[in-house]
C-alpha atoms as a PDB file:
ATOM      1  CA  MET A   1      95.816  99.990  91.331  1.00  0.00           C
ATOM      2  CA  ASN A   2      94.470  96.284  90.617  1.00  0.00           C
ATOM      3  CA  GLU A   3      92.102  94.805  93.100  1.00  0.00           C
ATOM      4  CA  ASN A   4      94.207  92.356  94.765  1.00  0.00           C
ATOM      5  CA  MET A   5      96.885  95.346  94.983  1.00  0.00           C
ATOM      6  CA  GLN A   6      94.313  97.602  96.650  1.00  0.00           C
ATOM      7  CA  LYS A   7      93.295  94.515  99.582  1.00  0.00           C
ATOM      8  CA  GLU A   8      97.108  94.648  99.902  1.00  0.00           C
ATOM      9  CA  GLN A   9      97.645  98.030 100.474  1.00  0.00           C
ATOM     10  CA  ALA A  10      94.372  97.675 102.503  1.00  0.00           C
ATOM     11  CA  LYS A  11      95.714  95.323 104.660  1.00  0.00           C
ATOM     12  CA  ALA A  12      99.238  97.010 105.303  1.00  0.00           C
ATOM     13  CA  ILE A  13      97.386 100.392 106.131  1.00  0.00           C
ATOM     14  CA  ALA A  14      95.599  98.499 108.301  1.00  0.00           C
ATOM     15  CA  ASP A  15      98.574  96.476 110.125  1.00  0.00           C
ATOM     16  CA  ILE A  16     100.582  99.217 110.236  1.00  0.00           C
ATOM     17  CA  ALA A  17      98.115 101.469 112.316  1.00  0.00           C
ATOM     18  CA  ASN A  18      97.451  98.548 114.573  1.00  0.00           C
ATOM     19  CA  ALA A  19     101.079  97.949 115.609  1.00  0.00           C
ATOM     20  CA  THR A  20     101.397 101.348 115.473  1.00  0.00           C
ATOM     21  CA  LEU A  21      98.420 102.560 118.205  1.00  0.00           C
ATOM     22  CA  ASP A  22      99.431  98.971 120.101  1.00  0.00           C
ATOM     23  CA  ASN A  23     103.164 100.246 120.093  1.00  0.00           C
ATOM     24  CA  LYS A  24     102.531 103.321 121.309  1.00  0.00           C
ATOM     25  CA  LYS A  25     100.075 102.285 124.713  1.00  0.00           C
ATOM     26  CA  GLY A  26      96.790 102.637 122.500  1.00  0.00           C
ATOM     27  CA  MET A  27      94.457 101.039 124.648  1.00  0.00           C
ATOM     28  CA  ASP A  28      91.769  98.191 123.117  1.00  0.00           C
ATOM     29  CA  VAL A  29      93.020  98.491 119.848  1.00  0.00           C
ATOM     30  CA  THR A  30      91.139  96.268 116.863  1.00  0.00           C
ATOM     31  CA  THR A  31      90.704  96.287 113.346  1.00  0.00           C
ATOM     32  CA  LEU A  32      87.109  95.077 112.323  1.00  0.00           C
ATOM     33  CA  ALA A  33      87.083  93.609 109.269  1.00  0.00           C
ATOM     34  CA  VAL A  34      84.482  95.378 107.443  1.00  0.00           C
ATOM     35  CA  GLY A  35      84.745  94.913 103.304  1.00  0.00           C
ATOM     36  CA  ASP A  36      82.192  92.908 103.456  1.00  0.00           C
ATOM     37  CA  GLN A  37      79.414  95.393 105.082  1.00  0.00           C
ATOM     38  CA  THR A  38      80.407  98.014 103.248  1.00  0.00           C
ATOM     39  CA  ILE A  39      82.066 100.336 100.557  1.00  0.00           C
ATOM     40  CA  LEU A  40      83.400 103.096 102.770  1.00  0.00           C
ATOM     41  CA  ALA A  41      86.838 100.452 103.865  1.00  0.00           C
ATOM     42  CA  ASP A  42      87.868  97.386 103.726  1.00  0.00           C
ATOM     43  CA  TYR A  43      89.584  97.753 107.290  1.00  0.00           C
ATOM     44  CA  PHE A  44      88.219  99.764 110.444  1.00  0.00           C
ATOM     45  CA  VAL A  45      91.416 100.440 112.752  1.00  0.00           C
ATOM     46  CA  LEU A  46      89.948 101.410 116.527  1.00  0.00           C
ATOM     47  CA  ALA A  47      91.761 102.104 119.618  1.00  0.00           C
ATOM     48  CA  THR A  48      91.729 104.266 122.954  1.00  0.00           C
ATOM     49  CA  GLY A  49      93.642 106.600 124.659  1.00  0.00           C
ATOM     50  CA  THR A  50      93.778 107.733 127.849  1.00  0.00           C
ATOM     51  CA  SER A  51      93.371 111.895 127.048  1.00  0.00           C
ATOM     52  CA  ASN A  52      92.782 113.696 124.321  1.00  0.00           C
ATOM     53  CA  THR A  53      96.289 114.640 124.589  1.00  0.00           C
ATOM     54  CA  HIS A  54      96.699 110.170 124.333  1.00  0.00           C
ATOM     55  CA  VAL A  55      94.868 110.730 121.326  1.00  0.00           C
ATOM     56  CA  ARG A  56      96.298 113.310 118.917  1.00  0.00           C
ATOM     57  CA  ALA A  57      99.827 111.365 119.643  1.00  0.00           C
ATOM     58  CA  LEU A  58      98.612 108.246 118.828  1.00  0.00           C
ATOM     59  CA  ALA A  59      96.833 109.983 115.521  1.00  0.00           C
ATOM     60  CA  ASP A  60     100.461 111.899 114.721  1.00  0.00           C
ATOM     61  CA  GLU A  61     102.579 108.775 115.111  1.00  0.00           C
ATOM     62  CA  VAL A  62      99.864 106.793 112.989  1.00  0.00           C
ATOM     63  CA  GLU A  63     100.067 109.370 110.157  1.00  0.00           C
ATOM     64  CA  PHE A  64     104.100 109.451 110.459  1.00  0.00           C
ATOM     65  CA  GLN A  65     104.735 105.719 110.374  1.00  0.00           C
ATOM     66  CA  LEU A  66     101.962 105.031 107.436  1.00  0.00           C
ATOM     67  CA  LYS A  67     103.341 107.927 105.579  1.00  0.00           C
ATOM     68  CA  GLU A  68     107.767 106.523 106.471  1.00  0.00           C
ATOM     69  CA  GLN A  69     106.558 103.121 105.633  1.00  0.00           C
ATOM     70  CA  LEU A  70     103.886 102.930 102.726  1.00  0.00           C
ATOM     71  CA  GLY A  71     104.117 106.485 101.522  1.00  0.00           C
ATOM     72  CA  VAL A  72     100.858 107.223 102.007  1.00  0.00           C
ATOM     73  CA  ALA A  73      99.234 110.398 103.519  1.00  0.00           C
ATOM     74  CA  PRO A  74      95.611 110.434 104.641  1.00  0.00           C
ATOM     75  CA  ASN A  75      92.645 111.391 102.740  1.00  0.00           C
ATOM     76  CA  HIS A  76      91.078 113.574 105.116  1.00  0.00           C
ATOM     77  CA  ILE A  77      91.400 113.830 108.853  1.00  0.00           C
ATOM     78  CA  GLU A  78      88.185 114.953 111.263  1.00  0.00           C
ATOM     79  CA  GLY A  79      88.786 115.933 114.883  1.00  0.00           C
ATOM     80  CA  ALA A  80      92.272 116.994 114.787  1.00  0.00           C
ATOM     81  CA  SER A  81      91.835 119.862 117.534  1.00  0.00           C
ATOM     82  CA  GLY A  82      91.594 118.025 120.790  1.00  0.00           C
ATOM     83  CA  ASN A  83      88.501 116.343 120.078  1.00  0.00           C
ATOM     84  CA  ALA A  84      87.491 113.408 121.843  1.00  0.00           C
ATOM     85  CA  TRP A  85      87.749 111.346 118.980  1.00  0.00           C
ATOM     86  CA  THR A  86      90.271 111.678 116.233  1.00  0.00           C
ATOM     87  CA  LEU A  87      89.549 109.736 112.536  1.00  0.00           C
ATOM     88  CA  LEU A  88      92.309 108.963 110.078  1.00  0.00           C
ATOM     89  CA  ASP A  89      90.704 108.464 106.549  1.00  0.00           C
ATOM     90  CA  TYR A  90      92.829 106.325 104.346  1.00  0.00           C
ATOM     91  CA  GLY A  91      90.000 105.169 101.743  1.00  0.00           C
ATOM     92  CA  CYS A  92      90.506 101.481 102.487  1.00  0.00           C
ATOM     93  CA  VAL A  93      91.084 101.976 105.739  1.00  0.00           C
ATOM     94  CA  VAL A  94      89.301 104.353 108.678  1.00  0.00           C
ATOM     95  CA  ILE A  95      91.134 104.825 111.678  1.00  0.00           C
ATOM     96  CA  HIS A  96      89.034 105.794 114.156  1.00  0.00           C
ATOM     97  CA  ILE A  97      91.030 106.952 117.647  1.00  0.00           C
ATOM     98  CA  PHE A  98      89.123 107.072 120.911  1.00  0.00           C
ATOM     99  CA  THR A  99      88.926 108.811 124.818  1.00  0.00           C
ATOM    100  CA  SER A 100      87.292 105.910 126.059  1.00  0.00           C
ATOM    101  CA  GLN A 101      84.202 107.923 126.474  1.00  0.00           C
ATOM    102  CA  ALA A 102      83.552 108.597 123.111  1.00  0.00           C
ATOM    103  CA  ARG A 103      84.508 104.786 122.441  1.00  0.00           C
ATOM    104  CA  ASP A 104      81.598 103.907 124.963  1.00  0.00           C
ATOM    105  CA  PHE A 105      79.533 106.553 123.971  1.00  0.00           C
ATOM    106  CA  TYR A 106      79.295 105.819 119.484  1.00  0.00           C
ATOM    107  CA  LYS A 107      79.932 102.351 120.379  1.00  0.00           C
ATOM    108  CA  LEU A 108      81.383 101.223 116.815  1.00  0.00           C
ATOM    109  CA  GLU A 109      81.956  97.462 117.356  1.00  0.00           C
ATOM    110  CA  ARG A 110      78.471  97.164 117.999  1.00  0.00           C
ATOM    111  CA  LEU A 111      77.502  99.237 115.335  1.00  0.00           C
ATOM    112  CA  TRP A 112      79.647  96.426 112.844  1.00  0.00           C
ATOM    113  CA  ASN A 113      79.344  93.516 114.543  1.00  0.00           C
ATOM    114  CA  GLY A 114      79.258  91.309 112.019  1.00  0.00           C
ATOM    115  CA  ALA A 115      82.829  92.535 111.324  1.00  0.00           C
ATOM    116  CA  GLU A 116      85.302  89.592 111.213  1.00  0.00           C
ATOM    117  CA  VAL A 117      87.572  91.410 114.772  1.00  0.00           C
ATOM    118  CA  ILE A 118      91.482  91.578 114.667  1.00  0.00           C
ATOM    119  CA  LYS A 119      92.713  92.211 118.331  1.00  0.00           C
ATOM    120  CA  SER A 120      96.118  93.434 118.233  1.00  0.00           C
ATOM    121  CA  GLU A 121      97.306  90.343 120.324  1.00  0.00           C
ATOM    122  CA  ASP A 122      96.273  87.810 117.584  1.00  0.00           C
ATOM    123  CA  TYR A 123      99.155  89.758 115.138  1.00  0.00           C
ATOM    124  CA  GLU A 124     102.651  87.932 115.710  1.00  0.00           C
ATOM    125  CA  VAL A 125     105.096  90.297 116.292  1.00  0.00           C
ATOM    126  CA  GLU A 126     108.249  90.259 114.755  1.00  0.00           C
ATOM    127  CA  GLU A 127     111.186  90.641 117.224  1.00  0.00           C
END
Protein backbone atom coordinates (compact mmCIF):
# COMPACT_ATOMS: atom_id res chain seq x y z
CA MET A 1 0.00 0.00 0.00
CA ASN A 2 1.49 3.37 -0.99
CA GLU A 3 1.81 6.29 1.43
CA ASN A 4 -1.25 8.17 0.12
CA MET A 5 -3.41 5.06 0.43
CA GLN A 6 -2.14 4.53 3.98
CA LYS A 7 -2.99 8.13 4.90
CA GLU A 8 -6.47 7.76 3.38
CA GLN A 9 -6.99 4.48 5.27
CA ALA A 10 -5.84 6.09 8.53
CA LYS A 11 -8.20 9.05 8.02
CA ALA A 12 -11.11 6.72 7.23
CA ILE A 13 -10.46 4.64 10.37
CA ALA A 14 -10.21 7.77 12.53
CA ASP A 15 -13.38 9.26 11.00
CA ILE A 16 -15.45 6.09 11.49
CA ALA A 17 -14.16 5.61 15.04
CA ASN A 18 -14.92 9.22 15.90
CA ALA A 19 -18.44 9.06 14.44
CA THR A 20 -19.18 5.72 16.12
CA LEU A 21 -18.03 6.94 19.52
CA ASP A 22 -20.08 10.11 19.15
CA ASN A 23 -23.19 8.20 17.99
CA LYS A 24 -22.94 5.80 20.95
CA LYS A 25 -22.81 8.64 23.49
CA GLY A 26 -19.07 8.67 24.07
CA MET A 27 -18.19 11.93 25.78
CA ASP A 28 -15.57 14.48 24.70
CA VAL A 29 -14.71 12.54 21.53
CA THR A 30 -11.50 13.96 20.12
CA THR A 31 -9.16 13.00 17.29
CA LEU A 32 -5.52 14.04 17.55
CA ALA A 33 -3.49 14.14 14.33
CA VAL A 34 -0.18 12.94 15.81
CA GLY A 35 1.54 11.76 12.62
CA ASP A 36 3.95 14.71 12.56
CA GLN A 37 4.96 14.08 16.20
CA THR A 38 5.41 10.32 16.37
CA ILE A 39 5.84 7.19 14.31
CA LEU A 40 3.39 5.36 16.60
CA ALA A 41 0.32 6.36 14.60
CA ASP A 42 -1.18 9.01 12.36
CA TYR A 43 -4.18 9.58 14.64
CA PHE A 44 -5.21 9.00 18.23
CA VAL A 45 -8.97 8.93 18.80
CA LEU A 46 -9.98 9.60 22.41
CA ALA A 47 -13.34 9.23 24.12
CA THR A 48 -14.76 8.97 27.62
CA GLY A 49 -17.35 6.43 28.70
CA THR A 50 -19.62 6.80 31.72
CA SER A 51 -18.55 3.49 33.30
CA ASN A 52 -16.33 0.46 32.68
CA THR A 53 -19.32 -1.20 30.99
CA HIS A 54 -19.86 1.80 28.72
CA VAL A 55 -16.12 1.87 27.86
CA ARG A 56 -16.32 -1.80 26.81
CA ALA A 57 -19.53 -1.23 24.81
CA LEU A 58 -17.94 1.71 22.98
CA ALA A 59 -14.85 -0.35 22.14
CA ASP A 60 -16.98 -3.26 20.92
CA GLU A 61 -19.05 -0.97 18.67
CA VAL A 62 -15.97 0.73 17.18
CA GLU A 63 -14.42 -2.67 16.49
CA PHE A 64 -17.68 -3.88 14.87
CA GLN A 65 -18.16 -0.75 12.71
CA LEU A 66 -14.58 -0.75 11.45
CA LYS A 67 -14.87 -4.43 10.52
CA GLU A 68 -18.24 -3.85 8.80
CA GLN A 69 -17.33 -0.66 6.94
CA LEU A 70 -13.64 -1.12 6.13
CA GLY A 71 -12.95 -4.80 6.75
CA VAL A 72 -10.21 -3.98 9.29
CA ALA A 73 -9.56 -5.52 12.69
CA PRO A 74 -7.34 -4.19 15.46
CA ASN A 75 -3.75 -5.40 15.58
CA HIS A 76 -3.93 -5.40 19.35
CA ILE A 77 -6.43 -4.67 22.15
CA GLU A 78 -5.44 -3.66 25.68
CA GLY A 79 -7.68 -3.45 28.72
CA ALA A 80 -10.58 -5.40 27.25
CA SER A 81 -11.58 -7.06 30.53
CA GLY A 82 -13.52 -4.25 32.17
CA ASN A 83 -10.66 -1.84 32.80
CA ALA A 84 -10.99 1.92 33.01
CA TRP A 85 -9.04 2.29 29.74
CA THR A 86 -9.42 0.24 26.58
CA LEU A 87 -7.02 0.69 23.69
CA LEU A 88 -7.68 -0.50 20.15
CA ASP A 89 -4.51 -0.44 18.04
CA TYR A 90 -5.11 -0.31 14.29
CA GLY A 91 -1.48 0.55 13.53
CA CYS A 92 -2.07 3.89 11.85
CA VAL A 93 -4.80 4.79 14.35
CA VAL A 94 -4.89 4.11 18.08
CA ILE A 95 -8.25 4.46 19.79
CA HIS A 96 -8.28 5.20 23.53
CA ILE A 97 -11.54 4.87 25.45
CA PHE A 98 -11.43 5.85 29.11
CA THR A 99 -13.58 6.37 32.16
CA SER A 100 -13.49 10.05 33.15
CA GLN A 101 -11.14 9.28 36.06
CA ALA A 102 -8.65 7.47 33.80
CA ARG A 103 -8.79 10.21 31.15
CA ASP A 104 -8.11 12.86 33.80
CA PHE A 105 -5.21 10.80 35.15
CA TYR A 106 -3.46 10.05 31.84
CA LYS A 107 -4.11 13.44 30.18
CA LEU A 108 -3.15 12.30 26.67
CA GLU A 109 -4.29 15.61 25.18
CA ARG A 110 -1.66 17.37 27.29
CA LEU A 111 1.01 14.82 26.37
CA TRP A 112 0.31 15.36 22.67
CA ASN A 113 -0.49 19.08 22.97
CA GLY A 114 1.23 19.94 19.67
CA ALA A 115 -1.12 17.73 17.68
CA GLU A 116 -3.96 19.12 15.60
CA VAL A 117 -7.18 18.55 17.56
CA ILE A 118 -10.32 17.48 15.71
CA LYS A 119 -13.42 17.49 17.97
CA SER A 120 -16.40 15.37 16.95
CA GLU A 121 -18.51 18.50 16.40
CA ASP A 122 -15.96 19.55 13.74
CA TYR A 123 -17.02 16.61 11.57
CA GLU A 124 -19.76 17.23 9.08
CA VAL A 125 -22.61 14.85 9.77
CA GLU A 126 -24.15 13.35 6.67
CA GLU A 127 -27.91 12.93 6.93
